All heavy atoms as atom14 arrays in JSON, in Angstrom:
{
  "sequence": "NVTEIVDSVKGRFTISRDNAKNTGYLQMNSLKPED",
  "atom14_mask": [
    [1, 1, 1, 1, 1, 1, 1, 1, 0, 0, 0, 0, 0, 0],
    [1, 1, 1, 1, 1, 1, 1, 0, 0, 0, 0, 0, 0, 0],
    [1, 1, 1, 1, 1, 1, 1, 0, 0, 0, 0, 0, 0, 0],
    [1, 1, 1, 1, 1, 1, 1, 1, 1, 0, 0, 0, 0, 0],
    [1, 1, 1, 1, 1, 1, 1, 1, 0, 0, 0, 0, 0, 0],
    [1, 1, 1, 1, 1, 1, 1, 0, 0, 0, 0, 0, 0, 0],
    [1, 1, 1, 1, 1, 1, 1, 1, 0, 0, 0, 0, 0, 0],
    [1, 1, 1, 1, 1, 1, 0, 0, 0, 0, 0, 0, 0, 0],
    [1, 1, 1, 1, 1, 1, 1, 0, 0, 0, 0, 0, 0, 0],
    [1, 1, 1, 1, 1, 1, 1, 1, 1, 0, 0, 0, 0, 0],
    [1, 1, 1, 1, 0, 0, 0, 0, 0, 0, 0, 0, 0, 0],
    [1, 1, 1, 1, 1, 1, 1, 1, 1, 1, 1, 0, 0, 0],
    [1, 1, 1, 1, 1, 1, 1, 1, 1, 1, 1, 0, 0, 0],
    [1, 1, 1, 1, 1, 1, 1, 0, 0, 0, 0, 0, 0, 0],
    [1, 1, 1, 1, 1, 1, 1, 1, 0, 0, 0, 0, 0, 0],
    [1, 1, 1, 1, 1, 1, 0, 0, 0, 0, 0, 0, 0, 0],
    [1, 1, 1, 1, 1, 1, 1, 1, 1, 1, 1, 0, 0, 0],
    [1, 1, 1, 1, 1, 1, 1, 1, 0, 0, 0, 0, 0, 0],
    [1, 1, 1, 1, 1, 1, 1, 1, 0, 0, 0, 0, 0, 0],
    [1, 1, 1, 1, 1, 0, 0, 0, 0, 0, 0, 0, 0, 0],
    [1, 1, 1, 1, 1, 1, 1, 1, 1, 0, 0, 0, 0, 0],
    [1, 1, 1, 1, 1, 1, 1, 1, 0, 0, 0, 0, 0, 0],
    [1, 1, 1, 1, 1, 1, 1, 0, 0, 0, 0, 0, 0, 0],
    [1, 1, 1, 1, 0, 0, 0, 0, 0, 0, 0, 0, 0, 0],
    [1, 1, 1, 1, 1, 1, 1, 1, 1, 1, 1, 1, 0, 0],
    [1, 1, 1, 1, 1, 1, 1, 1, 0, 0, 0, 0, 0, 0],
    [1, 1, 1, 1, 1, 1, 1, 1, 1, 0, 0, 0, 0, 0],
    [1, 1, 1, 1, 1, 1, 1, 1, 0, 0, 0, 0, 0, 0],
    [1, 1, 1, 1, 1, 1, 1, 1, 0, 0, 0, 0, 0, 0],
    [1, 1, 1, 1, 1, 1, 0, 0, 0, 0, 0, 0, 0, 0],
    [1, 1, 1, 1, 1, 1, 1, 1, 0, 0, 0, 0, 0, 0],
    [1, 1, 1, 1, 1, 1, 1, 1, 1, 0, 0, 0, 0, 0],
    [1, 1, 1, 1, 1, 1, 1, 0, 0, 0, 0, 0, 0, 0],
    [1, 1, 1, 1, 1, 1, 1, 1, 1, 0, 0, 0, 0, 0],
    [1, 1, 1, 1, 1, 1, 1, 1, 0, 0, 0, 0, 0, 0]
  ],
  "atom14_positions": [
    [[230.4, 63.48, 159.44], [229.49, 64.41, 158.77], [228.36, 63.68, 158.06], [227.68, 64.27, 157.22], [230.25, 65.29, 157.79], [230.9, 64.51, 156.66], [230.91, 63.29, 156.66], [231.43, 65.22, 155.68], [0.0, 0.0, 0.0], [0.0, 0.0, 0.0], [0.0, 0.0, 0.0], [0.0, 0.0, 0.0], [0.0, 0.0, 0.0], [0.0, 0.0, 0.0]],
    [[228.15, 62.41, 158.39], [227.11, 61.62, 157.77], [225.77, 62.0, 158.36], [225.61, 62.05, 159.58], [227.38, 60.12, 157.95], [226.23, 59.3, 157.38], [228.69, 59.74, 157.29], [0.0, 0.0, 0.0], [0.0, 0.0, 0.0], [0.0, 0.0, 0.0], [0.0, 0.0, 0.0], [0.0, 0.0, 0.0], [0.0, 0.0, 0.0], [0.0, 0.0, 0.0]],
    [[224.82, 62.26, 157.49], [223.47, 62.6, 157.93], [222.47, 61.59, 157.4], [222.72, 60.89, 156.42], [223.06, 64.0, 157.45], [223.04, 64.03, 156.01], [224.03, 65.06, 157.95], [0.0, 0.0, 0.0], [0.0, 0.0, 0.0], [0.0, 0.0, 0.0], [0.0, 0.0, 0.0], [0.0, 0.0, 0.0], [0.0, 0.0, 0.0], [0.0, 0.0, 0.0]],
    [[221.35, 61.52, 158.06], [220.21, 60.74, 157.6], [219.0, 61.65, 157.67], [218.71, 62.21, 158.73], [220.01, 59.5, 158.47], [218.86, 58.62, 158.02], [218.67, 57.4, 158.89], [219.49, 57.18, 159.8], [217.7, 56.65, 158.67], [0.0, 0.0, 0.0], [0.0, 0.0, 0.0], [0.0, 0.0, 0.0], [0.0, 0.0, 0.0], [0.0, 0.0, 0.0]],
    [[218.3, 61.8, 156.55], [217.17, 62.72, 156.46], [216.01, 61.99, 155.81], [216.17, 61.34, 154.77], [217.53, 63.98, 155.65], [218.76, 64.68, 156.25], [216.36, 64.93, 155.58], [219.23, 65.87, 155.46], [0.0, 0.0, 0.0], [0.0, 0.0, 0.0], [0.0, 0.0, 0.0], [0.0, 0.0, 0.0], [0.0, 0.0, 0.0], [0.0, 0.0, 0.0]],
    [[214.85, 62.11, 156.4], [213.67, 61.43, 155.88], [213.31, 61.99, 154.5], [213.51, 63.18, 154.22], [212.5, 61.56, 156.87], [211.98, 62.99, 156.91], [211.38, 60.59, 156.55], [0.0, 0.0, 0.0], [0.0, 0.0, 0.0], [0.0, 0.0, 0.0], [0.0, 0.0, 0.0], [0.0, 0.0, 0.0], [0.0, 0.0, 0.0], [0.0, 0.0, 0.0]],
    [[212.81, 61.12, 153.63], [212.56, 61.5, 152.25], [211.61, 62.69, 152.11], [211.76, 63.51, 151.2], [212.01, 60.31, 151.47], [213.06, 59.26, 151.18], [214.26, 59.57, 151.28], [212.67, 58.12, 150.84], [0.0, 0.0, 0.0], [0.0, 0.0, 0.0], [0.0, 0.0, 0.0], [0.0, 0.0, 0.0], [0.0, 0.0, 0.0], [0.0, 0.0, 0.0]],
    [[210.63, 62.79, 152.99], [209.63, 63.82, 152.86], [210.18, 65.23, 153.05], [209.54, 66.2, 152.63], [208.48, 63.58, 153.85], [208.94, 63.61, 155.18], [0.0, 0.0, 0.0], [0.0, 0.0, 0.0], [0.0, 0.0, 0.0], [0.0, 0.0, 0.0], [0.0, 0.0, 0.0], [0.0, 0.0, 0.0], [0.0, 0.0, 0.0], [0.0, 0.0, 0.0]],
    [[211.34, 65.37, 153.67], [211.94, 66.69, 153.88], [213.29, 66.82, 153.21], [213.9, 67.91, 153.26], [212.06, 67.03, 155.38], [210.71, 66.9, 156.06], [213.1, 66.16, 156.06], [0.0, 0.0, 0.0], [0.0, 0.0, 0.0], [0.0, 0.0, 0.0], [0.0, 0.0, 0.0], [0.0, 0.0, 0.0], [0.0, 0.0, 0.0], [0.0, 0.0, 0.0]],
    [[213.78, 65.77, 152.58], [215.1, 65.8, 151.94], [215.13, 66.89, 150.87], [214.21, 67.01, 150.06], [215.42, 64.44, 151.34], [216.86, 64.27, 150.88], [217.13, 62.84, 150.46], [216.97, 61.88, 151.63], [217.26, 60.47, 151.23], [0.0, 0.0, 0.0], [0.0, 0.0, 0.0], [0.0, 0.0, 0.0], [0.0, 0.0, 0.0], [0.0, 0.0, 0.0]],
    [[216.2, 67.67, 150.87], [216.32, 68.78, 149.95], [215.75, 70.07, 150.47], [216.02, 71.14, 149.9], [0.0, 0.0, 0.0], [0.0, 0.0, 0.0], [0.0, 0.0, 0.0], [0.0, 0.0, 0.0], [0.0, 0.0, 0.0], [0.0, 0.0, 0.0], [0.0, 0.0, 0.0], [0.0, 0.0, 0.0], [0.0, 0.0, 0.0], [0.0, 0.0, 0.0]],
    [[214.97, 70.01, 151.54], [214.38, 71.2, 152.15], [214.93, 71.47, 153.55], [215.08, 72.63, 153.94], [212.86, 71.08, 152.22], [212.19, 70.91, 150.86], [210.67, 70.98, 150.97], [210.13, 69.88, 151.76], [209.45, 70.03, 152.9], [209.23, 71.25, 153.39], [208.98, 68.97, 153.55], [0.0, 0.0, 0.0], [0.0, 0.0, 0.0], [0.0, 0.0, 0.0]],
    [[215.22, 70.41, 154.3], [215.73, 70.55, 155.67], [217.21, 70.19, 155.71], [217.66, 69.3, 154.98], [214.98, 69.6, 156.62], [213.55, 69.96, 156.89], [212.87, 70.9, 156.14], [212.88, 69.33, 157.93], [211.55, 71.21, 156.39], [211.56, 69.63, 158.2], [210.88, 70.57, 157.43], [0.0, 0.0, 0.0], [0.0, 0.0, 0.0], [0.0, 0.0, 0.0]],
    [[217.93, 70.86, 156.59], [219.34, 70.59, 156.79], [219.63, 70.5, 158.29], [219.22, 71.38, 159.05], [220.23, 71.68, 156.17], [219.95, 71.79, 154.77], [221.71, 71.35, 156.37], [0.0, 0.0, 0.0], [0.0, 0.0, 0.0], [0.0, 0.0, 0.0], [0.0, 0.0, 0.0], [0.0, 0.0, 0.0], [0.0, 0.0, 0.0], [0.0, 0.0, 0.0]],
    [[220.33, 69.45, 158.7], [220.7, 69.3, 160.09], [222.17, 69.68, 160.25], [223.01, 69.38, 159.39], [220.44, 67.86, 160.58], [220.69, 67.75, 162.08], [221.26, 66.84, 159.8], [220.22, 66.43, 162.67], [0.0, 0.0, 0.0], [0.0, 0.0, 0.0], [0.0, 0.0, 0.0], [0.0, 0.0, 0.0], [0.0, 0.0, 0.0], [0.0, 0.0, 0.0]],
    [[222.49, 70.36, 161.34], [223.85, 70.79, 161.6], [224.06, 70.93, 163.1], [223.11, 70.82, 163.89], [224.18, 72.1, 160.88], [223.36, 73.15, 161.36], [0.0, 0.0, 0.0], [0.0, 0.0, 0.0], [0.0, 0.0, 0.0], [0.0, 0.0, 0.0], [0.0, 0.0, 0.0], [0.0, 0.0, 0.0], [0.0, 0.0, 0.0], [0.0, 0.0, 0.0]],
    [[225.31, 71.18, 163.48], [225.61, 71.38, 164.89], [226.82, 72.29, 165.02], [227.68, 72.36, 164.14], [225.86, 70.05, 165.6], [227.11, 69.3, 165.13], [227.12, 67.86, 165.63], [227.12, 67.8, 167.08], [226.78, 66.72, 167.79], [226.39, 65.61, 167.16], [226.82, 66.77, 169.11], [0.0, 0.0, 0.0], [0.0, 0.0, 0.0], [0.0, 0.0, 0.0]],
    [[226.89, 72.99, 166.15], [228.03, 73.81, 166.51], [228.43, 73.39, 167.91], [227.83, 73.83, 168.9], [227.68, 75.29, 166.44], [228.88, 76.19, 166.66], [229.9, 75.74, 167.21], [228.8, 77.37, 166.27], [0.0, 0.0, 0.0], [0.0, 0.0, 0.0], [0.0, 0.0, 0.0], [0.0, 0.0, 0.0], [0.0, 0.0, 0.0], [0.0, 0.0, 0.0]],
    [[229.43, 72.52, 167.99], [229.82, 71.98, 169.3], [230.37, 73.06, 170.23], [230.24, 72.94, 171.45], [230.84, 70.86, 169.12], [230.23, 69.6, 168.56], [229.03, 69.35, 168.7], [231.05, 68.78, 167.92], [0.0, 0.0, 0.0], [0.0, 0.0, 0.0], [0.0, 0.0, 0.0], [0.0, 0.0, 0.0], [0.0, 0.0, 0.0], [0.0, 0.0, 0.0]],
    [[230.99, 74.09, 169.67], [231.51, 75.17, 170.5], [230.39, 75.91, 171.22], [230.62, 76.49, 172.28], [232.32, 76.15, 169.65], [0.0, 0.0, 0.0], [0.0, 0.0, 0.0], [0.0, 0.0, 0.0], [0.0, 0.0, 0.0], [0.0, 0.0, 0.0], [0.0, 0.0, 0.0], [0.0, 0.0, 0.0], [0.0, 0.0, 0.0], [0.0, 0.0, 0.0]],
    [[229.19, 75.89, 170.64], [228.03, 76.53, 171.25], [227.1, 75.53, 171.91], [226.04, 75.93, 172.41], [227.27, 77.33, 170.21], [228.06, 78.48, 169.61], [227.24, 79.24, 168.59], [228.02, 80.4, 168.01], [227.23, 81.15, 167.0], [0.0, 0.0, 0.0], [0.0, 0.0, 0.0], [0.0, 0.0, 0.0], [0.0, 0.0, 0.0], [0.0, 0.0, 0.0]],
    [[227.47, 74.26, 171.92], [226.63, 73.2, 172.49], [225.22, 73.22, 171.9], [224.23, 73.01, 172.61], [226.56, 73.32, 174.01], [227.87, 72.99, 174.69], [228.68, 72.22, 174.18], [228.08, 73.58, 175.87], [0.0, 0.0, 0.0], [0.0, 0.0, 0.0], [0.0, 0.0, 0.0], [0.0, 0.0, 0.0], [0.0, 0.0, 0.0], [0.0, 0.0, 0.0]],
    [[225.14, 73.45, 170.61], [223.85, 73.65, 169.96], [223.73, 72.86, 168.68], [224.65, 72.83, 167.86], [223.62, 75.14, 169.67], [223.66, 75.87, 170.91], [222.28, 75.37, 169.01], [0.0, 0.0, 0.0], [0.0, 0.0, 0.0], [0.0, 0.0, 0.0], [0.0, 0.0, 0.0], [0.0, 0.0, 0.0], [0.0, 0.0, 0.0], [0.0, 0.0, 0.0]],
    [[222.58, 72.23, 168.49], [222.2, 71.61, 167.24], [221.12, 72.43, 166.56], [220.36, 73.14, 167.22], [0.0, 0.0, 0.0], [0.0, 0.0, 0.0], [0.0, 0.0, 0.0], [0.0, 0.0, 0.0], [0.0, 0.0, 0.0], [0.0, 0.0, 0.0], [0.0, 0.0, 0.0], [0.0, 0.0, 0.0], [0.0, 0.0, 0.0], [0.0, 0.0, 0.0]],
    [[221.05, 72.3, 165.24], [220.13, 73.11, 164.46], [219.37, 72.23, 163.46], [219.88, 71.22, 162.98], [220.86, 74.19, 163.66], [221.68, 75.13, 164.5], [223.05, 74.92, 164.65], [221.11, 76.22, 165.13], [223.82, 75.78, 165.41], [221.87, 77.08, 165.89], [223.22, 76.86, 166.04], [223.98, 77.73, 166.79], [0.0, 0.0, 0.0], [0.0, 0.0, 0.0]],
    [[218.16, 72.65, 163.15], [217.42, 72.12, 162.03], [216.95, 73.29, 161.19], [216.04, 74.02, 161.61], [216.24, 71.26, 162.48], [215.47, 70.57, 161.36], [216.34, 69.49, 160.71], [214.17, 69.96, 161.88], [0.0, 0.0, 0.0], [0.0, 0.0, 0.0], [0.0, 0.0, 0.0], [0.0, 0.0, 0.0], [0.0, 0.0, 0.0], [0.0, 0.0, 0.0]],
    [[217.58, 73.5, 160.04], [217.17, 74.55, 159.12], [216.08, 74.0, 158.22], [216.28, 73.0, 157.53], [218.36, 75.01, 158.28], [218.02, 76.07, 157.25], [217.64, 77.39, 157.87], [218.32, 77.86, 158.77], [216.54, 77.98, 157.41], [0.0, 0.0, 0.0], [0.0, 0.0, 0.0], [0.0, 0.0, 0.0], [0.0, 0.0, 0.0], [0.0, 0.0, 0.0]],
    [[214.93, 74.65, 158.22], [213.77, 74.19, 157.48], [213.4, 75.25, 156.45], [213.01, 76.36, 156.8], [212.59, 73.92, 158.42], [212.93, 72.97, 159.57], [211.49, 72.56, 160.58], [211.11, 74.19, 161.25], [0.0, 0.0, 0.0], [0.0, 0.0, 0.0], [0.0, 0.0, 0.0], [0.0, 0.0, 0.0], [0.0, 0.0, 0.0], [0.0, 0.0, 0.0]],
    [[213.52, 74.88, 155.18], [213.19, 75.77, 154.08], [212.02, 75.2, 153.28], [211.7, 74.02, 153.38], [214.4, 75.95, 153.15], [215.59, 76.57, 153.83], [215.45, 77.43, 154.71], [216.79, 76.15, 153.42], [0.0, 0.0, 0.0], [0.0, 0.0, 0.0], [0.0, 0.0, 0.0], [0.0, 0.0, 0.0], [0.0, 0.0, 0.0], [0.0, 0.0, 0.0]],
    [[211.41, 76.05, 152.49], [210.29, 75.65, 151.63], [209.24, 74.88, 152.41], [208.77, 73.81, 151.99], [210.8, 74.82, 150.45], [211.74, 75.54, 149.68], [0.0, 0.0, 0.0], [0.0, 0.0, 0.0], [0.0, 0.0, 0.0], [0.0, 0.0, 0.0], [0.0, 0.0, 0.0], [0.0, 0.0, 0.0], [0.0, 0.0, 0.0], [0.0, 0.0, 0.0]],
    [[208.86, 75.42, 153.54], [207.95, 74.72, 154.44], [206.57, 74.53, 153.81], [206.08, 75.41, 153.08], [207.83, 75.46, 155.75], [209.03, 75.26, 156.69], [209.07, 76.35, 157.75], [208.96, 73.89, 157.34], [0.0, 0.0, 0.0], [0.0, 0.0, 0.0], [0.0, 0.0, 0.0], [0.0, 0.0, 0.0], [0.0, 0.0, 0.0], [0.0, 0.0, 0.0]],
    [[205.97, 73.39, 154.12], [204.67, 73.01, 153.61], [203.7, 72.83, 154.78], [204.13, 72.55, 155.9], [204.75, 71.71, 152.82], [205.73, 71.73, 151.66], [205.84, 70.36, 151.01], [206.81, 70.37, 149.86], [206.92, 69.02, 149.23], [0.0, 0.0, 0.0], [0.0, 0.0, 0.0], [0.0, 0.0, 0.0], [0.0, 0.0, 0.0], [0.0, 0.0, 0.0]],
    [[202.4, 72.96, 154.54], [201.44, 72.74, 155.63], [201.6, 71.38, 156.3], [201.39, 71.28, 157.51], [200.08, 72.86, 154.93], [200.34, 73.81, 153.81], [201.74, 73.47, 153.33], [0.0, 0.0, 0.0], [0.0, 0.0, 0.0], [0.0, 0.0, 0.0], [0.0, 0.0, 0.0], [0.0, 0.0, 0.0], [0.0, 0.0, 0.0], [0.0, 0.0, 0.0]],
    [[201.97, 70.36, 155.56], [202.16, 69.04, 156.13], [203.37, 68.93, 157.04], [203.56, 67.91, 157.71], [202.23, 67.96, 155.04], [203.24, 68.26, 153.95], [202.61, 68.9, 152.72], [201.76, 69.81, 152.89], [202.96, 68.49, 151.6], [0.0, 0.0, 0.0], [0.0, 0.0, 0.0], [0.0, 0.0, 0.0], [0.0, 0.0, 0.0], [0.0, 0.0, 0.0]],
    [[204.2, 69.97, 157.09], [205.31, 70.01, 158.04], [204.86, 70.45, 159.43], [205.66, 70.42, 160.37], [206.41, 70.96, 157.56], [207.07, 70.49, 156.28], [207.33, 69.28, 156.15], [207.35, 71.36, 155.42], [0.0, 0.0, 0.0], [0.0, 0.0, 0.0], [0.0, 0.0, 0.0], [0.0, 0.0, 0.0], [0.0, 0.0, 0.0], [0.0, 0.0, 0.0]]
  ]
}
């Protein structure tokens, strides 16, 4: 469950996966124009 997240999005983006669905996700909150 170890993640690595770049500082510019840390605290706003979350990475996850659901192996049963063969799917990875990137949840992006508090989006900024520079994203």
